[in-house]
N, C-alpha and C. Protein backbone atom coordinates (compact mmCIF):
# COMPACT_ATOMS: atom_id res chain seq x y z
N MET A 1 134.65 -24.55 8.13
CA MET A 1 134.96 -22.65 8.52
C MET A 1 134.84 -22.04 7.71
N LYS A 2 134.61 -22.43 6.23
CA LYS A 2 134.07 -21.16 5.45
C LYS A 2 132.44 -21.38 5.73
N LYS A 3 131.83 -22.42 5.87
CA LYS A 3 130.25 -22.15 6.66
C LYS A 3 130.01 -21.18 7.59
N MET A 4 131.33 -21.27 8.43
CA MET A 4 130.80 -20.38 9.76
C MET A 4 130.85 -18.98 9.61
N LYS A 5 131.71 -18.66 8.70
CA LYS A 5 131.96 -17.26 8.26
C LYS A 5 131.01 -16.74 7.75
N ILE A 6 130.18 -17.45 6.63
CA ILE A 6 128.98 -17.41 5.61
C ILE A 6 127.91 -17.25 6.87
N GLN A 7 127.57 -18.01 8.27
CA GLN A 7 126.84 -17.59 9.15
C GLN A 7 126.76 -16.33 9.57
N LYS A 8 128.22 -16.17 10.01
CA LYS A 8 128.04 -15.04 10.58
C LYS A 8 128.09 -13.79 9.80
N LEU A 9 128.26 -14.00 8.61
CA LEU A 9 127.97 -12.61 7.66
C LEU A 9 126.74 -12.64 7.29
N LEU A 10 125.77 -13.71 7.26
CA LEU A 10 124.00 -13.43 7.53
C LEU A 10 123.48 -13.04 8.66
N ALA A 11 124.27 -13.78 9.99
CA ALA A 11 123.72 -12.96 11.01
C ALA A 11 123.93 -11.36 11.12
N VAL A 12 124.99 -10.89 10.63
CA VAL A 12 125.32 -9.63 10.56
C VAL A 12 124.32 -8.67 9.96
N VAL A 13 124.36 -9.58 8.58
CA VAL A 13 123.36 -8.64 7.63
C VAL A 13 121.97 -8.55 8.04
N PHE A 14 121.55 -9.77 8.73
CA PHE A 14 120.02 -9.97 9.35
C PHE A 14 120.01 -9.08 10.72
N MET A 15 121.25 -8.57 11.25
CA MET A 15 120.60 -7.81 12.47
C MET A 15 120.98 -6.50 12.13
N GLY A 16 121.69 -6.11 10.90
CA GLY A 16 121.70 -4.82 10.34
C GLY A 16 120.09 -4.36 9.86
N THR A 17 119.90 -5.58 9.10
CA THR A 17 118.45 -4.92 8.34
C THR A 17 117.15 -4.64 9.52
N MET A 18 117.33 -5.36 10.94
CA MET A 18 116.60 -5.32 11.83
C MET A 18 116.60 -3.85 12.49
N PHE A 19 117.86 -3.56 12.63
CA PHE A 19 118.24 -2.00 13.17
C PHE A 19 117.50 -1.17 12.44
N LEU A 20 117.59 -1.14 10.55
CA LEU A 20 117.16 -0.46 9.96
C LEU A 20 115.72 0.02 10.14
N SER A 21 115.47 -1.53 10.33
CA SER A 21 113.87 -1.42 10.34
C SER A 21 113.26 -0.84 11.45
N MET A 22 113.85 -1.01 12.56
CA MET A 22 113.44 -0.31 14.02
C MET A 22 113.57 1.31 13.93
N THR A 23 114.66 1.60 13.07
CA THR A 23 115.13 3.08 13.16
C THR A 23 114.16 3.56 12.38
N ALA A 24 113.38 3.02 11.52
CA ALA A 24 112.75 3.53 10.51
C ALA A 24 111.02 3.37 10.83
N CYS A 25 111.11 2.54 11.79
CA CYS A 25 109.73 2.69 12.43
C CYS A 25 109.59 3.76 13.23
N GLY A 26 111.02 3.72 14.18
CA GLY A 26 110.58 4.79 15.48
C GLY A 26 110.72 6.36 14.57
N THR A 27 111.35 6.61 13.59
CA THR A 27 110.94 7.84 12.61
C THR A 27 109.65 7.94 12.24
N SER A 28 109.18 6.95 11.87
CA SER A 28 107.97 7.06 11.39
C SER A 28 106.85 7.58 12.21
N LYS A 29 106.77 6.82 13.51
CA LYS A 29 106.35 7.01 14.98
C LYS A 29 106.23 8.50 15.03
N ASP A 30 107.88 9.09 15.11
CA ASP A 30 107.85 10.50 15.58
C ASP A 30 107.29 11.20 14.82
N THR A 31 107.58 10.99 13.27
CA THR A 31 106.68 11.79 12.41
C THR A 31 105.36 12.01 12.32
N LYS A 32 104.55 11.29 12.70
CA LYS A 32 103.15 10.97 12.89
C LYS A 32 102.58 11.84 14.36
N GLU A 33 103.70 11.35 15.33
CA GLU A 33 103.34 12.35 16.72
C GLU A 33 103.45 13.71 16.51
N GLU A 34 104.83 14.05 15.71
CA GLU A 34 104.92 15.59 15.52
C GLU A 34 103.61 16.25 14.66
N LYS A 35 103.09 15.42 13.72
CA LYS A 35 102.04 15.96 12.88
C LYS A 35 100.57 15.74 13.86
N ILE A 36 100.46 15.04 14.52
CA ILE A 36 99.38 14.88 15.46
C ILE A 36 99.38 16.17 16.17
N GLU A 37 100.47 16.47 16.98
CA GLU A 37 101.15 17.73 18.01
C GLU A 37 100.56 19.05 16.90
N LYS A 38 101.10 19.12 15.90
CA LYS A 38 101.13 20.45 15.44
C LYS A 38 99.49 20.21 14.74
N THR A 39 98.86 19.49 14.61
CA THR A 39 97.47 19.78 14.25
C THR A 39 96.66 19.89 15.58
N THR A 40 97.03 19.37 16.54
CA THR A 40 96.44 19.89 17.87
C THR A 40 96.61 21.20 18.20
N GLU A 41 98.12 21.90 17.94
CA GLU A 41 98.31 23.16 18.86
C GLU A 41 97.41 24.20 17.74
N LYS A 42 97.48 23.91 15.98
CA LYS A 42 96.52 24.82 15.45
C LYS A 42 95.14 24.79 16.01
N THR A 43 94.58 23.42 16.11
CA THR A 43 93.02 23.50 16.30
C THR A 43 93.05 24.57 17.40
N VAL A 44 93.85 24.26 18.50
CA VAL A 44 93.89 24.93 20.03
C VAL A 44 93.88 26.57 19.54
N GLU A 45 94.89 26.65 18.90
CA GLU A 45 94.86 27.83 18.29
C GLU A 45 93.65 28.84 17.65
N GLU A 46 93.28 28.41 16.74
CA GLU A 46 92.17 28.41 15.86
C GLU A 46 90.93 28.62 16.80
N THR A 47 90.58 27.64 17.85
CA THR A 47 89.76 27.82 18.71
C THR A 47 89.85 28.59 20.07
N THR A 48 91.29 29.08 19.80
CA THR A 48 91.36 30.25 21.12
C THR A 48 91.03 31.82 20.44
N GLU A 49 91.97 31.60 18.74
CA GLU A 49 91.59 32.90 18.25
C GLU A 49 89.98 33.47 18.15
N GLU A 50 89.17 32.16 17.46
CA GLU A 50 87.67 32.68 17.13
C GLU A 50 87.10 33.40 18.42
N PRO A 51 87.10 32.69 19.93
CA PRO A 51 86.42 33.25 20.88
C PRO A 51 87.05 34.89 21.02
N ALA A 52 88.17 35.29 20.87
CA ALA A 52 88.70 36.40 21.42
C ALA A 52 88.43 37.35 20.47
N LYS A 53 88.26 36.78 19.07
CA LYS A 53 87.75 37.87 18.13
C LYS A 53 86.58 38.12 18.46
N GLU A 54 85.65 37.17 18.51
CA GLU A 54 84.38 37.31 18.92
C GLU A 54 84.04 38.38 20.27
N THR A 55 84.68 38.17 20.95
CA THR A 55 84.68 38.55 22.25
C THR A 55 85.47 39.97 22.07
N ALA A 56 86.10 40.57 21.41
CA ALA A 56 86.46 41.86 20.81
C ALA A 56 85.89 42.67 20.06
N GLU A 57 84.78 42.32 19.35
CA GLU A 57 83.87 42.45 18.29
C GLU A 57 82.83 43.10 18.81
N THR A 58 82.45 41.92 20.25
CA THR A 58 81.24 42.49 21.39
C THR A 58 81.57 43.54 22.07
N ILE A 59 82.83 43.92 22.16
CA ILE A 59 83.34 44.64 23.48
C ILE A 59 83.12 45.96 22.61
N ALA A 60 83.61 46.24 21.37
CA ALA A 60 84.17 47.20 20.40
C ALA A 60 82.17 47.68 20.34
N GLU A 61 81.35 46.58 19.67
CA GLU A 61 79.89 47.19 19.53
C GLU A 61 79.41 47.55 20.60
N GLU A 62 79.47 47.11 21.91
CA GLU A 62 78.90 47.94 23.11
C GLU A 62 79.59 49.09 23.54
N SER A 63 80.44 49.43 23.39
CA SER A 63 81.65 50.68 23.74
C SER A 63 81.11 51.36 22.76
N ALA A 64 80.91 51.58 21.46
CA ALA A 64 80.19 52.30 20.52
C ALA A 64 78.97 52.61 20.95
N LYS A 65 78.06 51.48 21.23
CA LYS A 65 76.36 52.13 21.71
C LYS A 65 76.45 52.68 22.70
N GLU A 66 77.40 52.50 23.60
CA GLU A 66 77.33 53.31 24.91
C GLU A 66 77.95 54.44 24.78
N THR A 67 78.90 54.80 23.61
CA THR A 67 79.04 55.77 23.72
C THR A 67 78.11 56.96 22.61
N ALA A 68 77.32 56.31 21.75
CA ALA A 68 76.17 57.09 20.89
C ALA A 68 75.29 57.35 22.60
N GLU A 69 74.83 56.57 23.19
CA GLU A 69 73.86 56.65 24.10
C GLU A 69 74.37 58.04 25.22
N THR A 70 75.70 57.81 25.63
CA THR A 70 75.93 58.97 26.12
C THR A 70 76.01 60.23 25.56
N ILE A 71 76.48 60.31 24.23
CA ILE A 71 76.43 61.85 23.62
C ILE A 71 74.81 62.12 23.34
N ALA A 72 73.79 61.06 23.10
CA ALA A 72 72.32 61.83 23.06
C ALA A 72 72.22 62.12 24.49
N GLU A 73 72.63 61.53 25.08
CA GLU A 73 72.15 62.24 26.61
C GLU A 73 72.63 63.15 26.85
N GLU A 74 74.09 63.70 26.40
CA GLU A 74 74.45 64.89 27.09
C GLU A 74 73.91 65.99 26.00
N ASN A 75 73.42 65.93 24.75
CA ASN A 75 73.07 66.54 23.88
C ASN A 75 71.12 66.90 24.55
N GLU A 76 70.83 65.91 25.14
CA GLU A 76 69.28 66.30 25.35
C GLU A 76 69.47 66.94 26.75
N ALA A 77 70.40 66.52 27.71
CA ALA A 77 70.58 67.39 28.72
C ALA A 77 71.00 69.09 28.91
N LYS A 78 71.72 69.27 27.38
CA LYS A 78 72.27 70.36 27.39
C LYS A 78 71.09 71.49 26.69
N SER A 79 70.28 70.55 25.65
CA SER A 79 68.97 71.30 24.95
C SER A 79 67.91 71.86 26.06
N SER A 80 67.93 71.25 27.07
CA SER A 80 67.06 71.06 28.54
C SER A 80 67.60 72.36 28.93
N ASP A 81 68.87 72.41 29.43
CA ASP A 81 69.61 73.48 30.12
C ASP A 81 69.06 74.79 29.18
N GLU A 82 69.45 74.69 27.79
CA GLU A 82 69.10 75.60 27.06
C GLU A 82 67.60 76.37 26.87
N ASN A 83 66.77 75.40 27.05
CA ASN A 83 65.32 75.73 26.99
C ASN A 83 65.21 76.56 28.59
N ASP A 84 65.65 75.72 29.59
CA ASP A 84 65.45 76.31 30.67
C ASP A 84 65.78 77.76 31.07
N ASN A 85 66.75 77.99 30.33
CA ASN A 85 68.05 79.32 30.26
C ASN A 85 67.40 80.42 29.73
N THR A 86 66.24 79.76 28.58
CA THR A 86 65.61 80.78 27.76
C THR A 86 64.86 81.78 28.35
N VAL A 87 64.93 83.08 28.06
CA VAL A 87 64.12 83.97 28.63
C VAL A 87 62.79 84.29 27.66
N GLN A 88 61.66 84.04 28.28
CA GLN A 88 60.11 84.18 27.58
C GLN A 88 60.01 85.66 27.70
N ILE A 89 60.15 86.20 26.65
CA ILE A 89 59.37 87.63 26.78
C ILE A 89 58.27 87.77 26.31
N PRO A 90 57.33 88.39 27.37
CA PRO A 90 56.08 88.46 27.31
C PRO A 90 55.60 89.33 25.95
N ASN A 91 53.97 88.88 25.55
CA ASN A 91 53.64 89.96 24.17
C ASN A 91 53.33 90.88 24.55
N PRO A 92 53.98 91.73 24.07
CA PRO A 92 53.39 93.85 24.84
C PRO A 92 52.19 94.28 24.42
N PHE A 93 51.64 93.50 23.49
CA PHE A 93 50.11 93.51 23.17
C PHE A 93 49.03 92.93 23.63
N VAL A 94 48.17 94.13 24.19
CA VAL A 94 47.17 93.51 24.89
C VAL A 94 45.87 93.43 24.09
N GLU A 95 44.97 92.68 23.80
CA GLU A 95 44.10 92.24 23.14
C GLU A 95 42.76 92.94 23.87
N VAL A 96 42.02 93.60 23.09
CA VAL A 96 41.03 93.78 23.77
C VAL A 96 39.70 93.85 22.53
N THR A 97 38.18 94.17 23.52
CA THR A 97 37.12 93.84 22.33
C THR A 97 36.48 95.03 21.76
N SER A 98 36.79 96.12 22.52
CA SER A 98 36.48 97.45 21.86
C SER A 98 37.63 98.42 21.67
N LEU A 99 37.10 99.55 21.17
CA LEU A 99 38.02 100.64 21.31
C LEU A 99 37.97 101.54 22.87
N GLU A 100 36.89 101.15 23.18
CA GLU A 100 36.37 101.89 24.86
C GLU A 100 37.31 101.07 25.70
N GLU A 101 37.32 99.88 25.80
CA GLU A 101 38.58 99.39 26.49
C GLU A 101 39.72 99.30 26.52
N ALA A 102 39.86 99.74 25.07
CA ALA A 102 41.58 99.94 24.61
C ALA A 102 41.85 101.53 25.00
N LYS A 103 41.20 102.34 25.15
CA LYS A 103 41.16 103.73 25.79
C LYS A 103 41.33 103.55 27.29
N GLU A 104 40.92 102.82 27.94
CA GLU A 104 41.00 102.48 29.25
C GLU A 104 42.62 102.27 29.42
N ILE A 105 43.01 101.35 28.83
CA ILE A 105 44.63 101.04 29.21
C ILE A 105 45.66 101.88 28.48
N ALA A 106 45.42 102.65 27.27
CA ALA A 106 46.16 103.37 26.64
C ALA A 106 46.30 104.82 27.53
N GLY A 107 44.86 105.16 27.77
CA GLY A 107 44.91 106.51 28.42
C GLY A 107 44.62 107.61 27.17
N PHE A 108 44.02 107.14 26.16
CA PHE A 108 43.47 108.01 25.17
C PHE A 108 42.65 107.42 24.31
N SER A 109 42.06 107.95 23.45
CA SER A 109 40.53 107.43 22.15
C SER A 109 41.40 107.27 21.25
N MET A 110 40.55 106.79 20.13
CA MET A 110 40.84 106.78 19.19
C MET A 110 39.67 106.16 18.26
N ASP A 111 39.74 106.86 17.15
CA ASP A 111 38.17 106.59 16.27
C ASP A 111 38.74 106.16 15.07
N ALA A 112 38.16 104.85 14.26
CA ALA A 112 38.75 104.06 13.63
C ALA A 112 37.36 103.39 12.74
N PRO A 113 36.98 103.10 11.65
CA PRO A 113 36.12 102.42 11.00
C PRO A 113 35.77 100.97 11.55
N ASP A 114 34.18 100.82 11.41
CA ASP A 114 34.07 99.61 12.39
C ASP A 114 34.21 98.68 11.33
N THR A 115 34.04 99.06 10.14
CA THR A 115 33.94 97.97 8.89
C THR A 115 34.76 98.86 7.93
N ILE A 116 35.54 97.85 7.06
CA ILE A 116 36.11 98.33 5.75
C ILE A 116 35.76 97.15 4.73
N ASP A 117 35.33 97.58 3.88
CA ASP A 117 35.28 96.48 2.62
C ASP A 117 36.05 96.03 2.32
N GLY A 118 35.91 94.21 2.03
CA GLY A 118 37.12 93.59 1.30
C GLY A 118 37.84 92.97 2.61
N TYR A 119 37.33 93.36 4.05
CA TYR A 119 37.81 92.75 5.08
C TYR A 119 37.15 92.15 5.90
N ASN A 120 36.83 90.85 6.11
CA ASN A 120 35.73 90.52 7.16
C ASN A 120 36.09 90.35 8.87
N ASP A 121 37.33 90.16 9.12
CA ASP A 121 37.77 90.04 10.89
C ASP A 121 38.08 91.43 11.03
N LYS A 122 37.93 91.85 12.56
CA LYS A 122 38.74 92.87 12.86
C LYS A 122 39.08 92.89 14.11
N ASN A 123 40.03 93.30 14.74
CA ASN A 123 40.58 92.83 16.10
C ASN A 123 41.56 94.12 16.58
N ILE A 124 41.23 94.76 17.90
CA ILE A 124 42.14 95.62 18.35
C ILE A 124 42.34 95.19 19.49
N SER A 125 43.94 95.67 19.49
CA SER A 125 45.08 95.53 20.64
C SER A 125 45.66 96.92 21.04
N VAL A 126 46.37 96.85 22.26
CA VAL A 126 46.77 97.81 22.90
C VAL A 126 48.31 97.38 23.12
N LEU A 127 49.28 98.36 22.56
CA LEU A 127 50.65 98.03 22.93
C LEU A 127 51.03 99.08 24.18
N ASN A 128 51.09 97.86 25.19
CA ASN A 128 50.88 98.41 26.73
C ASN A 128 52.27 98.83 27.49
N ILE A 129 53.16 99.91 26.56
CA ILE A 129 54.37 100.31 27.30
C ILE A 129 54.70 101.42 27.45
N ASP A 130 55.60 102.21 27.81
CA ASP A 130 55.58 103.26 27.98
C ASP A 130 54.92 104.45 27.11
N ASP A 131 55.43 104.15 25.70
CA ASP A 131 54.64 104.77 24.69
C ASP A 131 53.48 103.95 24.17
N LYS A 132 51.95 104.32 24.57
CA LYS A 132 51.23 103.44 24.36
C LYS A 132 50.68 103.64 22.67
N MET A 133 50.30 102.25 22.26
CA MET A 133 49.31 102.71 20.99
C MET A 133 48.62 101.48 20.96
N ILE A 134 47.47 101.95 20.28
CA ILE A 134 46.27 101.22 19.72
C ILE A 134 46.27 100.92 18.36
N GLN A 135 45.97 99.59 18.09
CA GLN A 135 46.19 99.02 16.86
C GLN A 135 44.73 98.27 16.20
N VAL A 136 44.43 98.55 15.23
CA VAL A 136 42.91 98.37 14.89
C VAL A 136 43.65 97.45 13.69
N THR A 137 43.10 95.86 13.38
CA THR A 137 43.69 95.08 12.10
C THR A 137 42.17 94.45 11.71
N TYR A 138 42.07 94.82 10.45
CA TYR A 138 41.11 94.51 9.37
C TYR A 138 42.14 93.24 8.77
N SER A 139 41.27 92.31 8.66
CA SER A 139 42.16 91.02 7.94
C SER A 139 40.91 90.18 6.85
N LYS A 140 41.49 89.81 6.10
CA LYS A 140 40.22 88.38 5.24
C LYS A 140 41.19 87.28 4.72
N ASP A 141 41.46 86.65 5.15
CA ASP A 141 42.49 85.44 4.48
C ASP A 141 44.08 85.89 5.18
N GLU A 142 44.49 86.06 3.98
CA GLU A 142 46.13 86.50 4.11
C GLU A 142 46.29 87.95 4.27
N LYS A 143 44.81 88.69 4.02
CA LYS A 143 45.49 90.20 3.63
C LYS A 143 44.98 90.74 4.84
N GLU A 144 45.87 91.73 5.25
CA GLU A 144 45.56 92.59 6.29
C GLU A 144 45.51 93.99 6.16
N LEU A 145 44.96 95.17 6.99
CA LEU A 145 44.90 96.42 7.12
C LEU A 145 44.91 96.68 8.51
N LEU A 146 46.08 97.10 8.38
CA LEU A 146 46.41 97.94 10.15
C LEU A 146 46.44 99.25 9.99
N ILE A 147 45.77 99.86 11.24
CA ILE A 147 45.56 101.59 11.45
C ILE A 147 46.04 101.36 12.92
N ARG A 148 47.09 102.35 12.92
CA ARG A 148 47.72 102.66 14.23
C ARG A 148 47.65 104.14 14.98
N LYS A 149 47.36 104.36 15.98
CA LYS A 149 47.74 105.72 16.78
C LYS A 149 48.77 105.41 17.88
N GLY A 150 49.51 106.26 18.05
CA GLY A 150 50.79 105.94 19.34
C GLY A 150 50.74 107.32 19.63
N THR A 151 51.12 107.63 20.99
CA THR A 151 51.96 108.68 21.62
C THR A 151 53.37 109.08 21.00
N ILE A 152 53.39 110.14 21.30
CA ILE A 152 54.80 110.49 20.35
C ILE A 152 55.81 110.26 21.56
N GLY A 153 56.85 109.53 21.45
CA GLY A 153 57.98 109.17 22.04
C GLY A 153 58.99 110.32 22.30
N THR A 154 59.93 109.84 23.30
CA THR A 154 60.96 110.54 23.86
C THR A 154 61.92 110.48 22.92
N ASP A 155 61.70 109.37 21.68
CA ASP A 155 62.76 109.13 20.62
C ASP A 155 62.77 110.31 19.62
N GLY A 156 61.60 110.87 19.43
CA GLY A 156 61.38 111.35 18.03
C GLY A 156 60.84 110.83 16.97
N VAL A 157 60.54 109.67 17.05
CA VAL A 157 60.12 108.88 16.23
C VAL A 157 58.51 108.95 15.74
N THR A 158 58.30 109.52 14.64
CA THR A 158 57.12 109.32 13.94
C THR A 158 56.39 108.37 13.04
N ASP A 159 57.42 107.60 12.63
CA ASP A 159 56.69 106.43 11.59
C ASP A 159 56.26 105.24 12.40
N ILE A 160 55.30 104.93 13.05
CA ILE A 160 54.97 103.90 13.71
C ILE A 160 54.16 102.53 12.89
N SER A 161 54.46 102.85 11.74
CA SER A 161 53.88 101.77 10.86
C SER A 161 54.63 100.31 11.25
N GLY A 162 55.89 100.00 11.61
CA GLY A 162 56.68 98.97 11.47
C GLY A 162 57.12 98.22 9.90
N ASP A 163 56.54 99.03 8.83
CA ASP A 163 56.83 98.92 7.75
C ASP A 163 58.14 99.65 7.05
N TYR A 164 59.43 98.75 7.35
CA TYR A 164 60.39 99.89 6.44
C TYR A 164 61.04 99.19 5.25
N THR A 165 59.91 98.51 4.51
CA THR A 165 60.45 98.39 3.16
C THR A 165 60.86 99.60 2.40
N GLU A 166 61.85 99.41 1.13
CA GLU A 166 62.10 100.42 0.45
C GLU A 166 61.13 100.58 -0.74
N TYR A 167 60.27 101.47 -0.70
CA TYR A 167 59.37 101.68 -1.93
C TYR A 167 59.66 102.39 -3.18
N SER A 168 59.62 102.42 -4.49
CA SER A 168 60.02 102.66 -5.17
C SER A 168 59.16 103.98 -5.44
N GLU A 169 57.95 104.45 -5.15
CA GLU A 169 57.23 105.68 -4.92
C GLU A 169 56.88 106.18 -3.75
N LYS A 170 57.27 107.54 -3.18
CA LYS A 170 56.96 108.72 -2.37
C LYS A 170 56.30 109.58 -2.64
N SER A 171 55.40 109.94 -1.81
CA SER A 171 54.72 111.25 -2.05
C SER A 171 54.00 111.63 -0.75
N GLU A 172 53.44 112.84 -0.74
CA GLU A 172 52.70 113.34 0.11
C GLU A 172 51.57 113.91 -0.34
N LEU A 173 50.36 113.29 0.59
CA LEU A 173 49.07 113.18 0.61
C LEU A 173 48.34 114.22 1.57
N GLU A 174 47.54 115.29 1.07
CA GLU A 174 47.20 116.22 2.53
C GLU A 174 45.70 116.09 2.50
N VAL A 175 45.52 116.06 3.50
CA VAL A 175 43.38 115.80 3.80
C VAL A 175 42.97 116.63 4.95
N ASN A 176 42.25 117.76 4.45
CA ASN A 176 41.78 118.61 5.40
C ASN A 176 42.98 119.19 6.43
N GLY A 177 43.79 119.86 5.98
CA GLY A 177 44.97 120.31 6.59
C GLY A 177 46.15 118.97 7.08
N THR A 178 45.85 117.91 7.15
CA THR A 178 46.62 116.84 7.54
C THR A 178 47.42 116.52 6.06
N LYS A 179 48.92 116.46 6.39
CA LYS A 179 49.24 115.88 5.62
C LYS A 179 50.32 114.20 6.13
N ALA A 180 49.69 113.37 4.95
CA ALA A 180 50.31 112.07 5.48
C ALA A 180 51.60 111.72 4.33
N ALA A 181 52.68 111.30 4.86
CA ALA A 181 53.54 110.62 3.99
C ALA A 181 53.27 109.14 3.10
N VAL A 182 53.10 109.19 2.18
CA VAL A 182 52.78 107.75 1.72
C VAL A 182 53.78 107.16 0.52
N ARG A 183 53.89 105.99 0.87
CA ARG A 183 54.87 105.01 0.17
C ARG A 183 54.32 104.13 -0.41
N GLY A 184 54.66 103.56 -1.50
CA GLY A 184 54.02 101.95 -2.05
C GLY A 184 54.87 102.00 -3.68
N ASN A 185 54.03 100.86 -4.45
CA ASN A 185 54.62 100.67 -5.96
C ASN A 185 53.37 100.49 -6.60
N SER A 186 54.02 101.05 -7.82
CA SER A 186 52.90 100.63 -9.21
C SER A 186 51.52 101.25 -8.62
N GLY A 187 51.70 102.62 -8.09
CA GLY A 187 50.26 103.52 -8.09
C GLY A 187 49.84 102.78 -6.83
N LYS A 188 50.04 101.90 -6.09
CA LYS A 188 49.65 101.70 -4.85
C LYS A 188 50.21 102.03 -3.38
N VAL A 189 49.66 102.54 -2.75
CA VAL A 189 49.80 102.80 -1.34
C VAL A 189 50.13 101.54 -0.60
N TYR A 190 50.88 101.48 0.31
CA TYR A 190 51.33 100.24 1.25
C TYR A 190 51.44 100.91 2.51
N VAL A 191 51.50 102.33 2.83
CA VAL A 191 51.93 102.88 3.81
C VAL A 191 51.59 104.07 3.75
N ALA A 192 51.38 104.59 4.75
CA ALA A 192 51.08 106.02 5.15
C ALA A 192 50.71 106.54 6.66
N THR A 193 51.77 107.76 6.67
CA THR A 193 52.22 107.92 8.06
C THR A 193 52.19 109.71 8.49
N TRP A 194 51.30 109.85 9.16
CA TRP A 194 51.09 111.00 9.73
C TRP A 194 51.04 111.46 10.96
N SER A 195 51.39 112.93 11.72
CA SER A 195 51.28 113.15 12.99
C SER A 195 50.61 114.34 13.25
N ASP A 196 50.56 114.58 14.31
CA ASP A 196 49.53 115.92 15.11
C ASP A 196 50.38 116.51 16.15
N GLU A 197 49.81 116.99 17.03
CA GLU A 197 50.71 117.57 18.37
C GLU A 197 50.93 116.51 19.40
N LYS A 198 49.96 115.81 19.37
CA LYS A 198 50.16 114.55 20.38
C LYS A 198 50.63 113.21 19.93
N PHE A 199 50.22 112.62 18.95
CA PHE A 199 50.00 111.28 18.02
C PHE A 199 50.62 111.39 17.05
N ASN A 200 51.10 110.29 17.21
CA ASN A 200 51.14 109.49 15.68
C ASN A 200 50.40 108.38 14.88
N TYR A 201 50.40 108.28 13.62
CA TYR A 201 49.10 107.47 13.00
C TYR A 201 49.79 106.96 11.96
N SER A 202 49.37 106.10 11.53
CA SER A 202 49.74 105.12 10.63
C SER A 202 48.69 103.98 9.80
N ILE A 203 48.65 103.78 8.63
CA ILE A 203 47.94 102.93 7.88
C ILE A 203 48.66 101.84 7.17
N GLY A 204 48.42 100.82 7.16
CA GLY A 204 49.54 99.69 6.48
C GLY A 204 48.93 98.76 5.76
N SER A 205 49.24 98.36 4.46
CA SER A 205 48.11 97.33 3.91
C SER A 205 49.34 96.48 3.17
N THR A 206 48.91 95.06 3.18
CA THR A 206 49.30 94.20 2.49
C THR A 206 49.22 93.59 1.03
N GLU A 207 47.86 94.06 0.58
CA GLU A 207 47.66 94.46 -0.46
C GLU A 207 47.61 95.89 -1.77
N GLY A 208 47.90 97.07 -0.95
CA GLY A 208 48.28 98.05 -1.06
C GLY A 208 46.60 98.71 -1.47
N LEU A 209 46.70 100.31 -1.78
CA LEU A 209 45.29 100.86 -1.34
C LEU A 209 45.61 101.84 -2.58
N THR A 210 44.19 102.41 -3.25
CA THR A 210 44.13 103.43 -3.94
C THR A 210 44.36 104.75 -3.02
N GLN A 211 44.88 105.65 -3.82
CA GLN A 211 45.12 106.91 -3.04
C GLN A 211 43.41 107.67 -2.65
N GLU A 212 42.58 107.11 -3.33
CA GLU A 212 40.86 107.87 -3.16
C GLU A 212 41.09 106.90 -1.41
N LYS A 213 41.32 105.64 -1.37
CA LYS A 213 40.95 105.28 -0.48
C LYS A 213 41.51 105.38 0.89
N VAL A 214 42.94 105.36 0.94
CA VAL A 214 43.37 106.45 1.98
C VAL A 214 43.22 107.81 2.10
N THR A 215 42.61 108.39 1.14
CA THR A 215 42.14 109.54 1.63
C THR A 215 40.63 109.19 2.28
N GLU A 216 40.14 108.83 2.03
CA GLU A 216 38.77 108.14 2.87
C GLU A 216 39.26 107.62 4.43
N LEU A 217 40.21 106.84 4.48
CA LEU A 217 40.34 106.35 5.73
C LEU A 217 41.00 108.10 6.42
N LEU A 218 41.81 108.55 6.20
CA LEU A 218 42.42 109.70 6.74
C LEU A 218 41.63 110.78 7.40
N THR A 219 39.97 110.64 6.86
CA THR A 219 39.12 111.47 7.26
C THR A 219 38.41 110.88 8.53
N GLN A 220 38.74 109.00 8.42
CA GLN A 220 38.06 108.59 9.55
C GLN A 220 38.87 108.59 10.66
N ILE A 221 40.20 108.91 10.81
CA ILE A 221 41.07 108.17 11.77
C ILE A 221 41.00 109.42 12.71
N LYS A 222 40.85 109.47 13.78
CA LYS A 222 41.22 110.28 14.78
C LYS A 222 41.64 109.76 16.25
């Protein structure tokens, strides 16, 4: 009887041990499966996120590039339209080869020196507008001397020199009854203007002239 109780007790213990062992195996198996499942999900998420990130960056770059190209095209088109709408004002001065040719356009004659010491080139042109003007330009490198003769306009303006600089020295020079207003600095004359009954005259110099030179020119210009 005692022996049977011991056998039953051993049987219960054995079954309990087997049950615990099976439970542990099941738990371990479940844990491993959960780990594998989580690892798989993480890998899938990372794999999905990377292409999505690359796709978003590519779309952003392409969008920025297209926007820049569109802006450049619009600016170019705008610039082209502005150039098309710009009115080209024709040069009112007509270049001629002689004072005789200038007379035919202006309708009046002009006397001026053929050459002036210190200047190599000579150019003659006519301002071909209502108030006609003949201009003779003597030049050498950057140095210029301009002589002008023009009709007296209805606006009453007598200074046709085009030089409106405020010079520190102003005086009047009279030669053979002609009174010229002269302006300059440091004893040099940069502008001389005068008029008669029909015409305005001017002498302009970028380098400045002596009063003696201005007096000489006044006797030659008619």
